[in-house]
Amino acid sequence: MTAITGKRLTLEEYLKYDDRTDSQYELVAGELVAIPPESPKNVHISLFLLVNFLKFVPVNRLSNKVEIVVAGSRATTRIPDLVVLTDELATALEGATRSTITLDMPPPALVVEVVSPGKANEDRDYRYKRSEYAARGIAEYWIVDPQRNAVTVLILVDGFYEETRFTGNTAIASTIFPELQLKADEVTSSSSESCGNNSY
C-alpha cells in the first residue's frame, strides 16, 4: 500500500475526499493510502466467515465495507475484511450517508483481518491494527493468516488484547460467538466451494 498525496489530510478532509474513482483508501496518520484488491483466497475466507456469522446475527449487524476511525489525533481509519456491529452501533449507523464508524459511536463487537502475503501486511495486521483496535475498545479481533494456516483470536481484557492462536483441527473459541463451531483449518483453507457449489 502506498501513500497517494504528498500532504497530510485531517480526518474531516479525508471524509470529504472524492477522486471520482472506485478506488478504496484508508487514512494512516494523515496519509491517504490506496488499498489494493484482495486476492481471491482472502475474499473466499471473508465470505466463508460471513456465511457462518449469519447463523448467529442478522444481516444488518455484519459488514465487509464499513470503515472505522481508530485515531483522531493521528487521523487514521481502517477498513477490516469483516465487522460485526453491536445493536447500538447498527442503530447509530442507520440513515448515515457513509459507512464510517466515527469516534463518537460505539465500537464494533468484532473485527476480522485476513492477512495478505508480505512482511508489511503482517506488521500492519499483527502489530499496528492490534494496538489501534484495542485503543478503540473493540472487544474481539480475529487475525486470519492463510500463510501460517492459523487464526489468532484476541480478546480485550482491561484495555489490552489477550491472544490465543488456533491451528489445524482446533475449534476456534470466541466470546462473541460462543456457539460457533469452526475449526482453524476450515477457515484458513476455505475456498469458493465452501460457500456453495452452485454454477451460474
N, C-alpha and C. Protein backbone atom coordinates (compact mmCIF):
# COMPACT_ATOMS: atom_id res chain seq x y z
N MET A 1 0.85 -1.18 0.00
CA MET A 1 0.00 0.00 0.00
C MET A 1 0.89 1.24 0.00
N THR A 2 0.59 2.19 -0.87
CA THR A 2 1.42 3.38 -0.99
C THR A 2 0.58 4.64 -0.79
N ALA A 3 1.23 5.65 -0.22
CA ALA A 3 0.55 6.93 0.00
C ALA A 3 0.26 7.59 -1.34
N ILE A 4 -0.89 8.28 -1.41
CA ILE A 4 -1.34 8.87 -2.67
C ILE A 4 -0.98 10.34 -2.78
N THR A 5 -1.23 11.10 -1.74
CA THR A 5 -0.99 12.54 -1.80
C THR A 5 0.26 12.91 -1.02
N GLY A 6 0.86 14.03 -1.38
CA GLY A 6 2.06 14.48 -0.69
C GLY A 6 1.76 15.14 0.63
N LYS A 7 0.55 15.64 0.82
CA LYS A 7 0.23 16.35 2.06
C LYS A 7 -0.62 15.48 2.98
N ARG A 8 -0.52 15.77 4.26
CA ARG A 8 -1.32 15.03 5.24
C ARG A 8 -2.72 15.62 5.30
N LEU A 9 -3.69 14.76 5.43
CA LEU A 9 -5.08 15.19 5.50
C LEU A 9 -5.59 15.10 6.93
N THR A 10 -6.48 15.98 7.27
CA THR A 10 -7.20 15.84 8.53
C THR A 10 -8.30 14.80 8.30
N LEU A 11 -8.88 14.32 9.39
CA LEU A 11 -9.97 13.36 9.26
C LEU A 11 -11.13 13.98 8.48
N GLU A 12 -11.41 15.25 8.75
CA GLU A 12 -12.50 15.94 8.06
C GLU A 12 -12.23 16.03 6.55
N GLU A 13 -10.99 16.34 6.17
CA GLU A 13 -10.63 16.41 4.75
C GLU A 13 -10.76 15.04 4.10
N TYR A 14 -10.33 14.01 4.81
CA TYR A 14 -10.42 12.65 4.27
C TYR A 14 -11.88 12.24 4.03
N LEU A 15 -12.74 12.54 4.99
CA LEU A 15 -14.15 12.15 4.86
C LEU A 15 -14.84 12.87 3.71
N LYS A 16 -14.28 14.00 3.28
CA LYS A 16 -14.84 14.74 2.14
C LYS A 16 -14.12 14.41 0.83
N TYR A 17 -13.04 13.64 0.90
CA TYR A 17 -12.20 13.37 -0.27
C TYR A 17 -12.96 12.53 -1.30
N ASP A 18 -12.88 12.93 -2.55
CA ASP A 18 -13.52 12.20 -3.64
C ASP A 18 -12.71 12.42 -4.91
N ASP A 19 -12.07 11.34 -5.39
CA ASP A 19 -11.28 11.48 -6.62
C ASP A 19 -12.06 10.97 -7.84
N ARG A 20 -13.37 10.75 -7.64
CA ARG A 20 -14.28 10.33 -8.71
C ARG A 20 -13.87 9.00 -9.33
N THR A 21 -13.27 8.12 -8.52
CA THR A 21 -12.96 6.76 -8.96
C THR A 21 -13.58 5.80 -7.97
N ASP A 22 -13.49 4.51 -8.26
CA ASP A 22 -13.97 3.47 -7.33
C ASP A 22 -12.86 2.97 -6.42
N SER A 23 -11.73 3.65 -6.42
CA SER A 23 -10.60 3.24 -5.59
C SER A 23 -10.96 3.32 -4.11
N GLN A 24 -10.38 2.41 -3.32
CA GLN A 24 -10.64 2.38 -1.88
C GLN A 24 -9.38 2.82 -1.14
N TYR A 25 -9.59 3.65 -0.11
CA TYR A 25 -8.46 4.20 0.63
C TYR A 25 -8.65 4.02 2.14
N GLU A 26 -7.52 4.00 2.83
CA GLU A 26 -7.51 4.20 4.27
C GLU A 26 -6.70 5.45 4.54
N LEU A 27 -6.95 6.08 5.68
CA LEU A 27 -6.14 7.21 6.11
C LEU A 27 -5.24 6.72 7.23
N VAL A 28 -3.94 6.81 7.04
CA VAL A 28 -2.98 6.29 8.02
C VAL A 28 -2.09 7.43 8.48
N ALA A 29 -2.29 7.87 9.72
CA ALA A 29 -1.55 9.00 10.28
C ALA A 29 -1.59 10.20 9.35
N GLY A 30 -2.78 10.44 8.77
CA GLY A 30 -2.97 11.59 7.92
C GLY A 30 -2.63 11.38 6.46
N GLU A 31 -2.03 10.24 6.10
CA GLU A 31 -1.67 9.96 4.72
C GLU A 31 -2.74 9.11 4.06
N LEU A 32 -3.16 9.50 2.86
CA LEU A 32 -4.14 8.76 2.09
C LEU A 32 -3.43 7.56 1.45
N VAL A 33 -3.89 6.36 1.77
CA VAL A 33 -3.22 5.14 1.32
C VAL A 33 -4.21 4.29 0.53
N ALA A 34 -3.84 3.94 -0.71
CA ALA A 34 -4.71 3.11 -1.56
C ALA A 34 -4.67 1.66 -1.10
N ILE A 35 -5.83 1.02 -1.10
CA ILE A 35 -5.92 -0.38 -0.73
C ILE A 35 -6.05 -1.20 -2.02
N PRO A 36 -5.10 -2.10 -2.27
CA PRO A 36 -5.19 -2.91 -3.49
C PRO A 36 -6.31 -3.94 -3.37
N PRO A 37 -6.81 -4.46 -4.49
CA PRO A 37 -7.83 -5.51 -4.43
C PRO A 37 -7.32 -6.74 -3.68
N GLU A 38 -8.22 -7.41 -2.97
CA GLU A 38 -7.86 -8.62 -2.22
C GLU A 38 -7.64 -9.78 -3.18
N SER A 39 -6.85 -10.75 -2.73
CA SER A 39 -6.67 -11.98 -3.51
C SER A 39 -7.96 -12.79 -3.46
N PRO A 40 -8.21 -13.65 -4.45
CA PRO A 40 -9.40 -14.50 -4.41
C PRO A 40 -9.50 -15.32 -3.14
N LYS A 41 -8.37 -15.83 -2.65
CA LYS A 41 -8.40 -16.65 -1.44
C LYS A 41 -8.86 -15.83 -0.24
N ASN A 42 -8.35 -14.62 -0.09
CA ASN A 42 -8.76 -13.78 1.03
C ASN A 42 -10.25 -13.43 0.95
N VAL A 43 -10.74 -13.20 -0.27
CA VAL A 43 -12.16 -12.92 -0.45
C VAL A 43 -12.99 -14.13 -0.05
N HIS A 44 -12.57 -15.32 -0.45
CA HIS A 44 -13.30 -16.54 -0.10
C HIS A 44 -13.35 -16.75 1.42
N ILE A 45 -12.23 -16.47 2.10
CA ILE A 45 -12.20 -16.61 3.56
C ILE A 45 -13.18 -15.65 4.21
N SER A 46 -13.19 -14.41 3.76
CA SER A 46 -14.11 -13.43 4.31
C SER A 46 -15.56 -13.84 4.09
N LEU A 47 -15.87 -14.33 2.89
CA LEU A 47 -17.23 -14.77 2.59
C LEU A 47 -17.62 -15.99 3.41
N PHE A 48 -16.68 -16.90 3.59
CA PHE A 48 -16.93 -18.10 4.40
C PHE A 48 -17.30 -17.71 5.83
N LEU A 49 -16.56 -16.78 6.41
CA LEU A 49 -16.87 -16.32 7.76
C LEU A 49 -18.20 -15.56 7.79
N LEU A 50 -18.45 -14.75 6.78
CA LEU A 50 -19.71 -14.02 6.71
C LEU A 50 -20.90 -14.98 6.73
N VAL A 51 -20.83 -16.02 5.93
CA VAL A 51 -21.90 -17.01 5.87
C VAL A 51 -22.10 -17.68 7.23
N ASN A 52 -21.01 -17.99 7.90
CA ASN A 52 -21.11 -18.66 9.20
C ASN A 52 -21.58 -17.72 10.31
N PHE A 53 -21.14 -16.46 10.27
CA PHE A 53 -21.59 -15.50 11.28
C PHE A 53 -23.09 -15.19 11.12
N LEU A 54 -23.59 -15.29 9.89
CA LEU A 54 -25.01 -15.02 9.65
C LEU A 54 -25.93 -16.03 10.34
N LYS A 55 -25.37 -17.14 10.79
CA LYS A 55 -26.17 -18.11 11.54
C LYS A 55 -26.51 -17.59 12.93
N PHE A 56 -25.80 -16.54 13.37
CA PHE A 56 -25.96 -16.07 14.75
C PHE A 56 -26.41 -14.61 14.86
N VAL A 57 -26.19 -13.82 13.81
CA VAL A 57 -26.58 -12.41 13.86
C VAL A 57 -27.31 -12.03 12.59
N PRO A 58 -28.21 -11.05 12.65
CA PRO A 58 -28.92 -10.61 11.44
C PRO A 58 -27.97 -9.90 10.49
N VAL A 59 -28.38 -9.83 9.22
CA VAL A 59 -27.52 -9.29 8.17
C VAL A 59 -27.14 -7.83 8.44
N ASN A 60 -27.99 -7.06 9.11
CA ASN A 60 -27.67 -5.66 9.37
C ASN A 60 -26.62 -5.48 10.46
N ARG A 61 -26.18 -6.57 11.06
CA ARG A 61 -25.12 -6.50 12.06
C ARG A 61 -23.76 -6.89 11.49
N LEU A 62 -23.69 -7.16 10.18
CA LEU A 62 -22.44 -7.57 9.55
C LEU A 62 -22.10 -6.65 8.40
N SER A 63 -20.82 -6.38 8.21
CA SER A 63 -20.39 -5.54 7.09
C SER A 63 -18.98 -5.90 6.67
N ASN A 64 -18.76 -5.88 5.35
CA ASN A 64 -17.40 -6.04 4.82
C ASN A 64 -16.95 -4.77 4.10
N LYS A 65 -17.66 -3.67 4.37
CA LYS A 65 -17.33 -2.40 3.72
C LYS A 65 -17.16 -1.24 4.70
N VAL A 66 -17.59 -1.40 5.93
CA VAL A 66 -17.56 -0.29 6.88
C VAL A 66 -16.12 0.08 7.25
N GLU A 67 -15.88 1.37 7.43
CA GLU A 67 -14.56 1.82 7.88
C GLU A 67 -14.67 2.31 9.33
N ILE A 68 -13.56 2.19 10.04
CA ILE A 68 -13.53 2.54 11.46
C ILE A 68 -12.49 3.62 11.68
N VAL A 69 -12.90 4.72 12.29
CA VAL A 69 -11.94 5.75 12.72
C VAL A 69 -11.32 5.23 14.02
N VAL A 70 -10.01 4.95 13.98
CA VAL A 70 -9.34 4.37 15.15
C VAL A 70 -8.51 5.38 15.91
N ALA A 71 -8.21 6.51 15.29
CA ALA A 71 -7.44 7.54 15.99
C ALA A 71 -7.79 8.90 15.41
N GLY A 72 -8.05 9.86 16.28
CA GLY A 72 -8.39 11.20 15.82
C GLY A 72 -7.19 12.09 15.68
N SER A 73 -6.29 12.07 16.67
CA SER A 73 -5.15 12.99 16.66
C SER A 73 -4.19 12.67 15.51
N ARG A 74 -4.02 11.38 15.19
CA ARG A 74 -3.14 10.99 14.08
C ARG A 74 -3.94 10.67 12.82
N ALA A 75 -5.25 10.90 12.87
CA ALA A 75 -6.14 10.75 11.71
C ALA A 75 -5.92 9.43 10.98
N THR A 76 -6.42 8.35 11.57
CA THR A 76 -6.26 7.02 10.99
C THR A 76 -7.61 6.31 10.91
N THR A 77 -7.88 5.70 9.75
CA THR A 77 -9.06 4.88 9.58
C THR A 77 -8.64 3.50 9.08
N ARG A 78 -9.47 2.51 9.36
CA ARG A 78 -9.21 1.15 8.89
C ARG A 78 -10.48 0.58 8.28
N ILE A 79 -10.31 -0.27 7.27
CA ILE A 79 -11.43 -0.97 6.66
C ILE A 79 -11.18 -2.47 6.80
N PRO A 80 -11.68 -3.08 7.88
CA PRO A 80 -11.45 -4.51 8.09
C PRO A 80 -12.13 -5.36 7.02
N ASP A 81 -11.70 -6.61 6.93
CA ASP A 81 -12.31 -7.53 5.98
C ASP A 81 -13.73 -7.90 6.38
N LEU A 82 -14.01 -7.90 7.67
CA LEU A 82 -15.35 -8.21 8.16
C LEU A 82 -15.54 -7.56 9.52
N VAL A 83 -16.73 -7.01 9.75
CA VAL A 83 -17.03 -6.33 11.01
C VAL A 83 -18.38 -6.82 11.53
N VAL A 84 -18.42 -7.11 12.82
CA VAL A 84 -19.69 -7.45 13.49
C VAL A 84 -20.07 -6.24 14.34
N LEU A 85 -21.23 -5.67 14.05
CA LEU A 85 -21.70 -4.49 14.77
C LEU A 85 -22.49 -4.88 16.00
N THR A 86 -22.45 -4.04 17.02
CA THR A 86 -23.38 -4.20 18.14
C THR A 86 -24.73 -3.63 17.73
N ASP A 87 -25.77 -3.94 18.51
CA ASP A 87 -27.09 -3.36 18.22
C ASP A 87 -27.02 -1.84 18.27
N GLU A 88 -26.30 -1.30 19.27
CA GLU A 88 -26.19 0.15 19.44
C GLU A 88 -25.49 0.79 18.25
N LEU A 89 -24.44 0.12 17.75
CA LEU A 89 -23.70 0.67 16.61
C LEU A 89 -24.53 0.59 15.33
N ALA A 90 -25.24 -0.52 15.14
CA ALA A 90 -26.11 -0.64 13.96
C ALA A 90 -27.15 0.49 13.95
N THR A 91 -27.68 0.80 15.13
CA THR A 91 -28.64 1.89 15.25
C THR A 91 -27.99 3.23 14.93
N ALA A 92 -26.77 3.44 15.42
CA ALA A 92 -26.05 4.70 15.20
C ALA A 92 -25.75 4.92 13.71
N LEU A 93 -25.58 3.84 12.94
CA LEU A 93 -25.25 3.95 11.52
C LEU A 93 -26.48 4.07 10.63
N GLU A 94 -27.65 3.83 11.21
CA GLU A 94 -28.88 3.93 10.42
C GLU A 94 -29.04 5.34 9.86
N GLY A 95 -29.31 5.43 8.58
CA GLY A 95 -29.52 6.72 7.95
C GLY A 95 -28.26 7.47 7.61
N ALA A 96 -27.08 6.91 7.94
CA ALA A 96 -25.82 7.58 7.62
C ALA A 96 -25.59 7.58 6.11
N THR A 97 -24.95 8.61 5.60
CA THR A 97 -24.66 8.70 4.18
C THR A 97 -23.34 8.00 3.83
N ARG A 98 -22.57 7.64 4.87
CA ARG A 98 -21.29 6.97 4.66
C ARG A 98 -21.12 5.92 5.75
N SER A 99 -20.64 4.73 5.38
CA SER A 99 -20.45 3.65 6.36
C SER A 99 -19.14 3.86 7.12
N THR A 100 -19.13 4.87 7.97
CA THR A 100 -17.95 5.21 8.75
C THR A 100 -18.31 5.21 10.23
N ILE A 101 -17.56 4.41 11.00
CA ILE A 101 -17.76 4.37 12.45
C ILE A 101 -16.85 5.43 13.05
N THR A 102 -17.43 6.54 13.46
CA THR A 102 -16.66 7.66 13.99
C THR A 102 -16.37 7.46 15.47
N LEU A 103 -15.50 8.32 16.01
CA LEU A 103 -15.06 8.16 17.39
C LEU A 103 -16.18 8.37 18.40
N ASP A 104 -17.25 9.07 18.00
CA ASP A 104 -18.35 9.28 18.93
C ASP A 104 -19.37 8.15 18.90
N MET A 105 -19.12 7.13 18.08
CA MET A 105 -20.01 5.96 18.02
C MET A 105 -19.43 4.83 18.85
N PRO A 106 -20.29 3.88 19.27
CA PRO A 106 -19.77 2.71 19.99
C PRO A 106 -18.83 1.90 19.10
N PRO A 107 -17.89 1.15 19.66
CA PRO A 107 -17.02 0.31 18.84
C PRO A 107 -17.76 -0.93 18.34
N PRO A 108 -17.26 -1.53 17.27
CA PRO A 108 -17.82 -2.82 16.84
C PRO A 108 -17.59 -3.90 17.90
N ALA A 109 -18.36 -5.00 17.78
CA ALA A 109 -18.16 -6.12 18.70
C ALA A 109 -16.94 -6.94 18.31
N LEU A 110 -16.71 -7.07 16.99
CA LEU A 110 -15.64 -7.93 16.49
C LEU A 110 -15.19 -7.43 15.13
N VAL A 111 -13.90 -7.52 14.86
CA VAL A 111 -13.36 -7.25 13.53
C VAL A 111 -12.49 -8.42 13.10
N VAL A 112 -12.46 -8.66 11.80
CA VAL A 112 -11.64 -9.72 11.21
C VAL A 112 -10.73 -9.11 10.17
N GLU A 113 -9.45 -9.45 10.24
CA GLU A 113 -8.49 -9.10 9.20
C GLU A 113 -7.91 -10.39 8.64
N VAL A 114 -7.92 -10.52 7.31
CA VAL A 114 -7.30 -11.66 6.63
C VAL A 114 -5.95 -11.18 6.10
N VAL A 115 -4.89 -11.79 6.57
CA VAL A 115 -3.53 -11.31 6.27
C VAL A 115 -3.15 -11.63 4.83
N SER A 116 -2.68 -10.62 4.11
CA SER A 116 -2.14 -10.81 2.77
C SER A 116 -0.65 -11.12 2.88
N PRO A 117 -0.07 -11.80 1.88
CA PRO A 117 1.36 -12.12 1.93
C PRO A 117 2.21 -10.86 2.00
N GLY A 118 3.36 -10.96 2.69
CA GLY A 118 4.31 -9.84 2.76
C GLY A 118 4.50 -9.34 4.17
N LYS A 119 5.74 -8.97 4.49
CA LYS A 119 6.09 -8.50 5.83
C LYS A 119 5.31 -7.26 6.23
N ALA A 120 5.14 -6.33 5.31
CA ALA A 120 4.42 -5.10 5.65
C ALA A 120 2.98 -5.40 6.03
N ASN A 121 2.33 -6.34 5.31
CA ASN A 121 0.96 -6.70 5.63
C ASN A 121 0.87 -7.38 6.99
N GLU A 122 1.84 -8.25 7.29
CA GLU A 122 1.87 -8.91 8.60
C GLU A 122 2.03 -7.89 9.72
N ASP A 123 2.96 -6.96 9.55
CA ASP A 123 3.18 -5.92 10.57
C ASP A 123 1.91 -5.11 10.80
N ARG A 124 1.23 -4.78 9.71
CA ARG A 124 0.02 -3.96 9.82
C ARG A 124 -1.06 -4.69 10.62
N ASP A 125 -1.29 -5.97 10.30
CA ASP A 125 -2.37 -6.70 10.96
C ASP A 125 -2.01 -7.19 12.35
N TYR A 126 -0.77 -7.65 12.55
CA TYR A 126 -0.37 -8.21 13.84
C TYR A 126 0.05 -7.13 14.84
N ARG A 127 0.60 -6.01 14.38
CA ARG A 127 1.14 -5.01 15.30
C ARG A 127 0.30 -3.74 15.37
N TYR A 128 0.22 -3.04 14.24
CA TYR A 128 -0.41 -1.71 14.27
C TYR A 128 -1.90 -1.78 14.53
N LYS A 129 -2.60 -2.63 13.79
CA LYS A 129 -4.05 -2.72 13.98
C LYS A 129 -4.38 -3.30 15.35
N ARG A 130 -3.53 -4.16 15.85
CA ARG A 130 -3.75 -4.72 17.20
C ARG A 130 -3.85 -3.60 18.23
N SER A 131 -2.90 -2.68 18.21
CA SER A 131 -2.92 -1.60 19.19
C SER A 131 -4.04 -0.61 18.90
N GLU A 132 -4.31 -0.37 17.61
CA GLU A 132 -5.39 0.57 17.24
C GLU A 132 -6.76 0.04 17.66
N TYR A 133 -7.01 -1.22 17.39
CA TYR A 133 -8.31 -1.80 17.73
C TYR A 133 -8.50 -1.93 19.24
N ALA A 134 -7.42 -2.21 19.95
CA ALA A 134 -7.51 -2.26 21.42
C ALA A 134 -7.84 -0.88 21.97
N ALA A 135 -7.15 0.15 21.47
CA ALA A 135 -7.40 1.51 21.93
C ALA A 135 -8.82 1.96 21.59
N ARG A 136 -9.37 1.43 20.50
CA ARG A 136 -10.74 1.78 20.09
C ARG A 136 -11.79 1.03 20.90
N GLY A 137 -11.34 0.05 21.70
CA GLY A 137 -12.27 -0.68 22.57
C GLY A 137 -13.02 -1.80 21.89
N ILE A 138 -12.47 -2.35 20.82
CA ILE A 138 -13.12 -3.45 20.10
C ILE A 138 -12.89 -4.74 20.88
N ALA A 139 -13.98 -5.39 21.29
CA ALA A 139 -13.91 -6.50 22.24
C ALA A 139 -13.17 -7.72 21.71
N GLU A 140 -13.27 -7.97 20.40
CA GLU A 140 -12.65 -9.18 19.85
C GLU A 140 -12.09 -8.89 18.46
N TYR A 141 -10.87 -9.36 18.22
CA TYR A 141 -10.18 -9.12 16.95
C TYR A 141 -9.61 -10.45 16.46
N TRP A 142 -10.02 -10.86 15.27
CA TRP A 142 -9.51 -12.08 14.66
C TRP A 142 -8.49 -11.73 13.59
N ILE A 143 -7.35 -12.42 13.61
CA ILE A 143 -6.36 -12.33 12.54
C ILE A 143 -6.31 -13.69 11.86
N VAL A 144 -6.83 -13.75 10.64
CA VAL A 144 -6.83 -15.00 9.88
C VAL A 144 -5.63 -14.97 8.95
N ASP A 145 -4.73 -15.93 9.12
CA ASP A 145 -3.47 -15.92 8.39
C ASP A 145 -3.36 -17.17 7.52
N PRO A 146 -3.74 -17.08 6.24
CA PRO A 146 -3.67 -18.25 5.36
C PRO A 146 -2.26 -18.77 5.16
N GLN A 147 -1.26 -17.87 5.23
CA GLN A 147 0.13 -18.30 5.03
C GLN A 147 0.60 -19.21 6.17
N ARG A 148 0.13 -18.93 7.39
CA ARG A 148 0.52 -19.73 8.56
C ARG A 148 -0.54 -20.74 8.94
N ASN A 149 -1.63 -20.77 8.18
CA ASN A 149 -2.76 -21.66 8.49
C ASN A 149 -3.18 -21.52 9.95
N ALA A 150 -3.34 -20.28 10.38
CA ALA A 150 -3.66 -20.00 11.78
C ALA A 150 -4.72 -18.92 11.89
N VAL A 151 -5.51 -19.02 12.94
CA VAL A 151 -6.47 -17.97 13.29
C VAL A 151 -6.13 -17.52 14.71
N THR A 152 -5.75 -16.26 14.85
CA THR A 152 -5.44 -15.70 16.16
C THR A 152 -6.64 -14.89 16.63
N VAL A 153 -7.16 -15.26 17.80
CA VAL A 153 -8.30 -14.56 18.39
C VAL A 153 -7.79 -13.74 19.57
N LEU A 154 -8.03 -12.43 19.51
CA LEU A 154 -7.58 -11.52 20.57
C LEU A 154 -8.81 -11.01 21.31
N ILE A 155 -8.82 -11.20 22.62
CA ILE A 155 -9.93 -10.78 23.47
C ILE A 155 -9.47 -9.60 24.32
N LEU A 156 -10.25 -8.53 24.33
CA LEU A 156 -9.88 -7.32 25.07
C LEU A 156 -10.13 -7.53 26.56
N VAL A 157 -9.07 -7.40 27.35
CA VAL A 157 -9.14 -7.53 28.80
C VAL A 157 -8.41 -6.34 29.42
N ASP A 158 -9.14 -5.50 30.13
CA ASP A 158 -8.56 -4.32 30.79
C ASP A 158 -7.73 -3.46 29.84
N GLY A 159 -8.25 -3.29 28.61
CA GLY A 159 -7.61 -2.39 27.66
C GLY A 159 -6.53 -3.01 26.80
N PHE A 160 -6.21 -4.29 27.04
CA PHE A 160 -5.17 -4.97 26.24
C PHE A 160 -5.72 -6.29 25.72
N TYR A 161 -5.18 -6.71 24.57
CA TYR A 161 -5.62 -7.97 23.99
C TYR A 161 -4.86 -9.15 24.58
N GLU A 162 -5.61 -10.19 24.94
CA GLU A 162 -5.03 -11.48 25.28
C GLU A 162 -5.29 -12.40 24.10
N GLU A 163 -4.24 -13.03 23.59
CA GLU A 163 -4.38 -13.77 22.34
C GLU A 163 -4.31 -15.27 22.53
N THR A 164 -5.05 -15.97 21.67
CA THR A 164 -4.98 -17.42 21.55
C THR A 164 -4.89 -17.75 20.07
N ARG A 165 -3.92 -18.58 19.71
CA ARG A 165 -3.76 -18.96 18.31
C ARG A 165 -4.31 -20.35 18.09
N PHE A 166 -5.13 -20.49 17.05
CA PHE A 166 -5.75 -21.76 16.73
C PHE A 166 -5.21 -22.25 15.38
N THR A 167 -4.82 -23.53 15.32
CA THR A 167 -4.31 -24.12 14.09
C THR A 167 -4.93 -25.50 13.90
N GLY A 168 -4.80 -26.03 12.69
CA GLY A 168 -5.25 -27.39 12.41
C GLY A 168 -6.73 -27.59 12.68
N ASN A 169 -7.06 -28.72 13.33
CA ASN A 169 -8.46 -29.02 13.58
C ASN A 169 -8.93 -28.55 14.95
N THR A 170 -8.19 -27.58 15.52
CA THR A 170 -8.60 -27.00 16.80
C THR A 170 -9.79 -26.09 16.59
N ALA A 171 -10.82 -26.25 17.43
CA ALA A 171 -12.01 -25.42 17.33
C ALA A 171 -11.69 -24.01 17.82
N ILE A 172 -12.17 -23.01 17.09
CA ILE A 172 -11.95 -21.61 17.43
C ILE A 172 -12.88 -21.22 18.57
N ALA A 173 -12.33 -20.62 19.62
CA ALA A 173 -13.13 -20.17 20.77
C ALA A 173 -13.34 -18.67 20.67
N SER A 174 -14.61 -18.25 20.68
CA SER A 174 -14.97 -16.84 20.56
C SER A 174 -15.92 -16.45 21.68
N THR A 175 -15.67 -15.28 22.29
CA THR A 175 -16.60 -14.79 23.31
C THR A 175 -17.84 -14.18 22.66
N ILE A 176 -17.70 -13.66 21.45
CA ILE A 176 -18.82 -13.06 20.73
C ILE A 176 -19.74 -14.14 20.18
N PHE A 177 -19.13 -15.23 19.69
CA PHE A 177 -19.89 -16.35 19.13
C PHE A 177 -19.55 -17.64 19.87
N PRO A 178 -20.02 -17.79 21.12
CA PRO A 178 -19.65 -18.97 21.90
C PRO A 178 -20.18 -20.28 21.30
N GLU A 179 -21.22 -20.20 20.48
CA GLU A 179 -21.79 -21.41 19.88
C GLU A 179 -21.19 -21.73 18.52
N LEU A 180 -20.27 -20.90 18.06
CA LEU A 180 -19.64 -21.11 16.76
C LEU A 180 -18.84 -22.40 16.78
N GLN A 181 -19.03 -23.22 15.76
CA GLN A 181 -18.29 -24.48 15.67
C GLN A 181 -17.50 -24.50 14.37
N LEU A 182 -16.37 -23.81 14.40
CA LEU A 182 -15.48 -23.77 13.25
C LEU A 182 -14.08 -24.15 13.70
N LYS A 183 -13.40 -24.90 12.86
CA LYS A 183 -12.01 -25.24 13.13
C LYS A 183 -11.10 -24.32 12.32
N ALA A 184 -9.90 -24.13 12.83
CA ALA A 184 -8.97 -23.19 12.20
C ALA A 184 -8.73 -23.53 10.74
N ASP A 185 -8.49 -24.83 10.45
CA ASP A 185 -8.18 -25.18 9.07
C ASP A 185 -9.39 -25.04 8.14
N GLU A 186 -10.61 -25.09 8.68
CA GLU A 186 -11.79 -24.83 7.86
C GLU A 186 -11.78 -23.39 7.36
N VAL A 187 -11.32 -22.50 8.22
CA VAL A 187 -11.31 -21.07 7.87
C VAL A 187 -10.15 -20.75 6.92
N THR A 188 -8.95 -21.17 7.28
CA THR A 188 -7.77 -20.77 6.50
C THR A 188 -7.69 -21.46 5.15
N SER A 189 -8.34 -22.60 5.01
CA SER A 189 -8.31 -23.29 3.71
C SER A 189 -9.61 -23.16 2.96
N SER A 190 -10.54 -22.30 3.48
CA SER A 190 -11.84 -22.17 2.82
C SER A 190 -11.66 -21.65 1.41
N SER A 191 -12.47 -22.17 0.52
CA SER A 191 -12.42 -21.78 -0.89
C SER A 191 -13.82 -21.51 -1.38
N SER A 192 -13.96 -21.23 -2.63
CA SER A 192 -15.28 -20.93 -3.18
C SER A 192 -16.23 -22.10 -2.98
N GLU A 193 -15.70 -23.33 -2.95
CA GLU A 193 -16.57 -24.48 -2.74
C GLU A 193 -17.19 -24.46 -1.35
N SER A 194 -16.49 -23.83 -0.38
CA SER A 194 -17.01 -23.78 0.98
C SER A 194 -18.25 -22.91 1.07
N CYS A 195 -18.39 -21.96 0.14
CA CYS A 195 -19.52 -21.04 0.17
C CYS A 195 -20.65 -21.49 -0.74
N GLY A 196 -20.51 -22.67 -1.32
CA GLY A 196 -21.58 -23.18 -2.16
C GLY A 196 -21.05 -23.73 -3.45
N ASN A 197 -21.76 -24.68 -4.02
CA ASN A 197 -21.31 -25.34 -5.22
C ASN A 197 -22.16 -24.98 -6.43
N ASN A 198 -22.93 -23.92 -6.34
CA ASN A 198 -23.80 -23.56 -7.45
C ASN A 198 -23.00 -23.07 -8.64
N SER A 199 -23.47 -23.45 -9.81
CA SER A 199 -22.87 -22.94 -11.04
C SER A 199 -23.83 -21.96 -11.70
N TYR A 200 -23.31 -20.87 -12.26
CA TYR A 200 -24.17 -19.85 -12.88
C TYR A 200 -23.72 -19.63 -14.31
